[in-house]
């Protein structure tokens, strides 16, 4: 992949990851190509988890507020 992975949005990274999974499931690539795709898939998965973690933190900050209390006074349990 020539594109800098950190520039990918969550949606772009997921779409690329879905294509990699489909390619690997098809089993038509050589072992070397499959390993390269697998490595890229692992990196894309990590990138997606980081983006989700950042989004989760932003949401928690907005919902809990600066003092850590939920808007209605109840702690936010994530559900």
Protein backbone atom coordinates (compact mmCIF):
# COMPACT_ATOMS: atom_id res chain seq x y z
CA UNK A 1 0.00 0.00 0.00
CA UNK A 2 1.54 3.26 -1.07
CA UNK A 3 -0.90 5.50 0.79
CA UNK A 4 -0.01 6.65 4.32
CA UNK A 5 -2.34 4.61 6.51
CA UNK A 6 -2.62 7.34 9.15
CA UNK A 7 -4.36 9.54 6.57
CA UNK A 8 -7.17 7.01 6.07
CA UNK A 9 -10.56 7.64 7.61
CA UNK A 10 -12.21 4.84 9.54
CA UNK A 11 -14.52 4.13 6.62
CA UNK A 12 -11.66 4.03 4.09
CA UNK A 13 -9.62 1.72 6.29
CA UNK A 14 -12.57 -0.64 6.84
CA UNK A 15 -13.31 -0.77 3.11
CA UNK A 16 -9.67 -1.65 2.39
CA UNK A 17 -9.70 -4.24 5.17
CA UNK A 18 -12.87 -5.81 3.73
CA UNK A 19 -11.18 -6.09 0.31
CA UNK A 20 -8.13 -7.73 1.88
CA UNK A 21 -10.30 -10.26 3.74
CA UNK A 22 -12.17 -11.09 0.52
CA UNK A 23 -8.87 -11.54 -1.34
CA UNK A 24 -7.48 -13.79 1.37
CA UNK A 25 -10.68 -15.83 1.55
CA UNK A 26 -10.58 -16.30 -2.23
CA UNK A 27 -7.21 -18.02 -1.83
CA UNK A 28 -5.99 -16.98 -5.27
CA UNK A 29 -2.92 -15.03 -4.12
CA UNK A 30 0.56 -16.43 -3.73
CA UNK A 31 1.90 -17.07 -0.24
CA UNK A 32 4.08 -13.95 -0.39
CA UNK A 33 1.15 -11.79 -1.54
CA UNK A 34 -1.11 -13.30 1.11
CA UNK A 35 1.43 -12.55 3.85
CA UNK A 36 1.77 -8.97 2.63
CA UNK A 37 -2.02 -8.54 2.61
CA UNK A 38 -2.28 -10.13 6.05
CA UNK A 39 0.33 -7.71 7.44
CA UNK A 40 -1.52 -4.77 5.90
CA UNK A 41 -4.79 -6.09 7.34
CA UNK A 42 -3.30 -6.26 10.82
CA UNK A 43 -2.06 -2.68 10.50
CA UNK A 44 -5.45 -1.53 9.20
CA UNK A 45 -7.18 -3.23 12.13
CA UNK A 46 -4.88 -1.45 14.56
CA UNK A 47 -5.54 1.88 12.82
CA UNK A 48 -9.30 1.30 13.06
CA UNK A 49 -9.06 0.45 16.78
CA UNK A 50 -7.08 3.65 17.38
CA UNK A 51 -9.68 5.73 15.54
CA UNK A 52 -12.49 4.07 17.51
CA UNK A 53 -10.62 4.69 20.76
CA UNK A 54 -10.26 8.36 19.90
CA UNK A 55 -13.96 8.61 19.03
CA UNK A 56 -14.89 6.83 22.28
CA UNK A 57 -12.80 9.26 24.31
CA UNK A 58 -14.40 12.26 22.59
CA UNK A 59 -17.89 10.89 23.22
CA UNK A 60 -17.15 10.14 26.87
CA UNK A 61 -15.74 13.65 27.35
CA UNK A 62 -18.83 15.20 25.79
CA UNK A 63 -21.29 13.04 27.72
CA UNK A 64 -19.52 13.02 31.08
CA UNK A 65 -18.39 16.62 31.06
CA UNK A 66 -15.25 18.04 32.64
CA UNK A 67 -16.00 16.70 36.13
CA UNK A 68 -16.60 13.12 34.96
CA UNK A 69 -20.28 13.11 35.90
CA UNK A 70 -22.95 12.02 33.44
CA UNK A 71 -25.24 14.83 32.26
CA UNK A 72 -28.12 13.60 34.48
CA UNK A 73 -25.80 13.12 37.44
CA UNK A 74 -25.34 9.37 36.90
CA UNK A 75 -21.94 7.91 35.98
CA UNK A 76 -21.68 6.85 32.34
CA UNK A 77 -21.32 3.05 32.13
CA UNK A 78 -20.73 2.86 28.37
CA UNK A 79 -24.01 1.13 27.51
